[in-house]
Amino acid sequence: MAARVSTPHLIGEPQVEGEFLPGTLDERLVDRLSLEGAEPVMFAPGTTSDPFSDSPATRVRVGVMTDGTWVWQLAWADYVQLHRVAPPRAFLEHAASLGFTAPEVSVGRALDIARAEGIPLPE
């Protein structure tokens, strides 16, 4: 079942949605594409419904992650692990160029990214 979800994007680019399909990511990349190992820009408590599942019991995590170059919803880690949903090719190529390991991002840089993405910060 295809679903429209927020697309990973370069920092500062507009956030857009795209249509993605389960089963499109090569099985060999599922464990390598560790999207939850990056720096969190924002975490939210709880979960939200999984757009790739018909079951209301299937939930995905809420948050925003970065590797210092790209930004994506934490739910992408769940889409990859649960449904083998392939992210956009440019994002996948970027992750491969980093050896599928997100570099460390300083707290200051993460705050700059949050501002660039329009994520509200506490006072």
C-alpha atoms as a PDB file:
ATOM      1  CA  MET A   1       0.000   0.000   0.000  1.00  0.00           C
ATOM      2  CA  ALA A   2       1.560   3.297  -1.099  1.00  0.00           C
ATOM      3  CA  ALA A   3       1.509   6.229   1.306  1.00  0.00           C
ATOM      4  CA  ARG A   4       2.271   9.947   1.187  1.00  0.00           C
ATOM      5  CA  VAL A   5       4.835  10.894   3.824  1.00  0.00           C
ATOM      6  CA  SER A   6       7.288  13.682   4.515  1.00  0.00           C
ATOM      7  CA  THR A   7      10.356  13.291   2.311  1.00  0.00           C
ATOM      8  CA  PRO A   8      13.900  13.470   3.713  1.00  0.00           C
ATOM      9  CA  HIS A   9      15.388  16.738   2.473  1.00  0.00           C
ATOM     10  CA  LEU A  10      18.502  18.878   2.551  1.00  0.00           C
ATOM     11  CA  ILE A  11      18.637  21.278   5.479  1.00  0.00           C
ATOM     12  CA  GLY A  12      16.850  24.521   4.654  1.00  0.00           C
ATOM     13  CA  GLU A  13      14.926  23.097   1.700  1.00  0.00           C
ATOM     14  CA  PRO A  14      11.141  23.068   1.992  1.00  0.00           C
ATOM     15  CA  GLN A  15       9.577  20.018   3.571  1.00  0.00           C
ATOM     16  CA  VAL A  16       7.456  18.200   1.011  1.00  0.00           C
ATOM     17  CA  GLU A  17       5.533  14.964   0.880  1.00  0.00           C
ATOM     18  CA  GLY A  18       6.088  12.206  -1.608  1.00  0.00           C
ATOM     19  CA  GLU A  19       4.429   8.906  -2.395  1.00  0.00           C
ATOM     20  CA  PHE A  20       6.436   5.869  -1.333  1.00  0.00           C
ATOM     21  CA  LEU A  21       5.914   2.124  -1.610  1.00  0.00           C
ATOM     22  CA  PRO A  22       6.743  -0.678   0.823  1.00  0.00           C
ATOM     23  CA  GLY A  23       9.128  -3.390  -0.357  1.00  0.00           C
ATOM     24  CA  THR A  24      11.193  -1.031  -2.522  1.00  0.00           C
ATOM     25  CA  LEU A  25      14.383  -1.018  -0.418  1.00  0.00           C
ATOM     26  CA  ASP A  26      16.933  -3.745  -1.104  1.00  0.00           C
ATOM     27  CA  GLU A  27      16.777  -6.167   1.844  1.00  0.00           C
ATOM     28  CA  ARG A  28      20.578  -5.910   2.249  1.00  0.00           C
ATOM     29  CA  LEU A  29      20.251  -2.195   3.051  1.00  0.00           C
ATOM     30  CA  VAL A  30      17.553  -2.436   5.720  1.00  0.00           C
ATOM     31  CA  ASP A  31      19.937  -3.032   8.634  1.00  0.00           C
ATOM     32  CA  ARG A  32      22.657  -0.760   7.227  1.00  0.00           C
ATOM     33  CA  LEU A  33      20.395   2.263   6.792  1.00  0.00           C
ATOM     34  CA  SER A  34      20.331   3.228  10.474  1.00  0.00           C
ATOM     35  CA  LEU A  35      18.178   6.336  10.404  1.00  0.00           C
ATOM     36  CA  GLU A  36      17.692   6.435  14.148  1.00  0.00           C
ATOM     37  CA  GLY A  37      21.446   6.603  14.842  1.00  0.00           C
ATOM     38  CA  ALA A  38      21.664  10.219  13.686  1.00  0.00           C
ATOM     39  CA  GLU A  39      21.406  13.351  15.819  1.00  0.00           C
ATOM     40  CA  PRO A  40      17.912  14.166  17.050  1.00  0.00           C
ATOM     41  CA  VAL A  41      16.760  17.695  16.288  1.00  0.00           C
ATOM     42  CA  MET A  42      13.440  17.089  18.033  1.00  0.00           C
ATOM     43  CA  PHE A  43      11.823  14.162  19.826  1.00  0.00           C
ATOM     44  CA  ALA A  44       8.172  14.023  20.761  1.00  0.00           C
ATOM     45  CA  PRO A  45       6.630  11.638  23.249  1.00  0.00           C
ATOM     46  CA  GLY A  46       4.318   9.008  21.890  1.00  0.00           C
ATOM     47  CA  THR A  47       3.718   7.662  18.437  1.00  0.00           C
ATOM     48  CA  THR A  48       1.480   8.243  15.448  1.00  0.00           C
ATOM     49  CA  SER A  49      -0.337   5.881  13.098  1.00  0.00           C
ATOM     50  CA  ASP A  50       1.757   4.087  10.501  1.00  0.00           C
ATOM     51  CA  PRO A  51       0.687   5.234   7.016  1.00  0.00           C
ATOM     52  CA  PHE A  52       1.950   1.977   5.473  1.00  0.00           C
ATOM     53  CA  SER A  53      -0.238  -0.238   7.672  1.00  0.00           C
ATOM     54  CA  ASP A  54      -3.969  -0.873   7.776  1.00  0.00           C
ATOM     55  CA  SER A  55      -3.720  -1.798  11.449  1.00  0.00           C
ATOM     56  CA  PRO A  56      -4.445   0.993  13.932  1.00  0.00           C
ATOM     57  CA  ALA A  57      -2.149  -0.865  16.363  1.00  0.00           C
ATOM     58  CA  THR A  58       0.893  -0.313  14.138  1.00  0.00           C
ATOM     59  CA  ARG A  59       2.532   2.948  15.201  1.00  0.00           C
ATOM     60  CA  VAL A  60       5.680   4.895  14.247  1.00  0.00           C
ATOM     61  CA  ARG A  61       7.828   7.206  16.337  1.00  0.00           C
ATOM     62  CA  VAL A  62       7.705  10.993  16.181  1.00  0.00           C
ATOM     63  CA  GLY A  63      10.810  13.145  15.888  1.00  0.00           C
ATOM     64  CA  VAL A  64      13.182  14.910  13.507  1.00  0.00           C
ATOM     65  CA  MET A  65      16.675  13.578  12.811  1.00  0.00           C
ATOM     66  CA  THR A  66      19.744  14.962  11.007  1.00  0.00           C
ATOM     67  CA  ASP A  67      23.207  13.974   9.883  1.00  0.00           C
ATOM     68  CA  GLY A  68      24.197  17.628   9.526  1.00  0.00           C
ATOM     69  CA  THR A  69      23.307  17.723   5.822  1.00  0.00           C
ATOM     70  CA  TRP A  70      19.882  16.079   5.529  1.00  0.00           C
ATOM     71  CA  VAL A  71      16.809  16.162   7.782  1.00  0.00           C
ATOM     72  CA  TRP A  72      14.156  13.437   8.072  1.00  0.00           C
ATOM     73  CA  GLN A  73      11.314  12.292  10.252  1.00  0.00           C
ATOM     74  CA  LEU A  74      12.286   9.610  12.799  1.00  0.00           C
ATOM     75  CA  ALA A  75       9.376   7.580  11.418  1.00  0.00           C
ATOM     76  CA  TRP A  76      11.615   6.837   8.406  1.00  0.00           C
ATOM     77  CA  ALA A  77      13.585   4.436  10.627  1.00  0.00           C
ATOM     78  CA  ASP A  78      10.314   2.566  11.193  1.00  0.00           C
ATOM     79  CA  TYR A  79       9.305   2.691   7.515  1.00  0.00           C
ATOM     80  CA  VAL A  80      12.646   1.142   6.575  1.00  0.00           C
ATOM     81  CA  GLN A  81      12.644  -1.515   9.306  1.00  0.00           C
ATOM     82  CA  LEU A  82       8.978  -2.488   9.205  1.00  0.00           C
ATOM     83  CA  HIS A  83       8.160  -2.092   5.516  1.00  0.00           C
ATOM     84  CA  ARG A  84      11.422  -1.808   3.518  1.00  0.00           C
ATOM     85  CA  VAL A  85      10.364   1.604   2.163  1.00  0.00           C
ATOM     86  CA  ALA A  86      13.173   3.102   0.065  1.00  0.00           C
ATOM     87  CA  PRO A  87      13.886   6.777   0.738  1.00  0.00           C
ATOM     88  CA  PRO A  88      14.643   9.102  -2.196  1.00  0.00           C
ATOM     89  CA  ARG A  89      17.643   8.007  -4.271  1.00  0.00           C
ATOM     90  CA  ALA A  90      19.684  11.148  -3.496  1.00  0.00           C
ATOM     91  CA  PHE A  91      19.246  10.547   0.240  1.00  0.00           C
ATOM     92  CA  LEU A  92      20.178   6.882  -0.097  1.00  0.00           C
ATOM     93  CA  GLU A  93      23.284   7.805  -2.118  1.00  0.00           C
ATOM     94  CA  HIS A  94      24.255  10.360   0.541  1.00  0.00           C
ATOM     95  CA  ALA A  95      23.862   7.745   3.306  1.00  0.00           C
ATOM     96  CA  ALA A  96      25.983   5.300   1.288  1.00  0.00           C
ATOM     97  CA  SER A  97      28.685   7.961   0.808  1.00  0.00           C
ATOM     98  CA  LEU A  98      28.891   8.180   4.629  1.00  0.00           C
ATOM     99  CA  GLY A  99      29.195   4.413   4.952  1.00  0.00           C
ATOM    100  CA  PHE A 100      25.636   4.367   6.324  1.00  0.00           C
ATOM    101  CA  THR A 101      26.920   5.958   9.542  1.00  0.00           C
ATOM    102  CA  ALA A 102      25.723   9.427  10.491  1.00  0.00           C
ATOM    103  CA  PRO A 103      28.513  11.712  11.662  1.00  0.00           C
ATOM    104  CA  GLU A 104      28.283  13.412  15.037  1.00  0.00           C
ATOM    105  CA  VAL A 105      26.449  16.707  15.014  1.00  0.00           C
ATOM    106  CA  SER A 106      27.136  19.184  17.797  1.00  0.00           C
ATOM    107  CA  VAL A 107      24.310  20.495  19.940  1.00  0.00           C
ATOM    108  CA  GLY A 108      24.946  23.978  18.541  1.00  0.00           C
ATOM    109  CA  ARG A 109      24.668  22.709  14.972  1.00  0.00           C
ATOM    110  CA  ALA A 110      21.490  20.765  15.838  1.00  0.00           C
ATOM    111  CA  LEU A 111      19.982  23.980  17.255  1.00  0.00           C
ATOM    112  CA  ASP A 112      20.958  25.861  14.069  1.00  0.00           C
ATOM    113  CA  ILE A 113      19.301  23.125  12.019  1.00  0.00           C
ATOM    114  CA  ALA A 114      16.155  23.316  14.167  1.00  0.00           C
ATOM    115  CA  ARG A 115      15.976  27.049  13.498  1.00  0.00           C
ATOM    116  CA  ALA A 116      16.579  26.558   9.750  1.00  0.00           C
ATOM    117  CA  GLU A 117      13.778  23.983   9.705  1.00  0.00           C
ATOM    118  CA  GLY A 118      11.381  26.237  11.623  1.00  0.00           C
ATOM    119  CA  ILE A 119      11.186  23.901  14.611  1.00  0.00           C
ATOM    120  CA  PRO A 120      10.163  25.866  17.695  1.00  0.00           C
ATOM    121  CA  LEU A 121      12.779  25.893  20.444  1.00  0.00           C
ATOM    122  CA  PRO A 122      12.164  26.315  24.157  1.00  0.00           C
ATOM    123  CA  GLU A 123      13.020  29.714  25.599  1.00  0.00           C
END
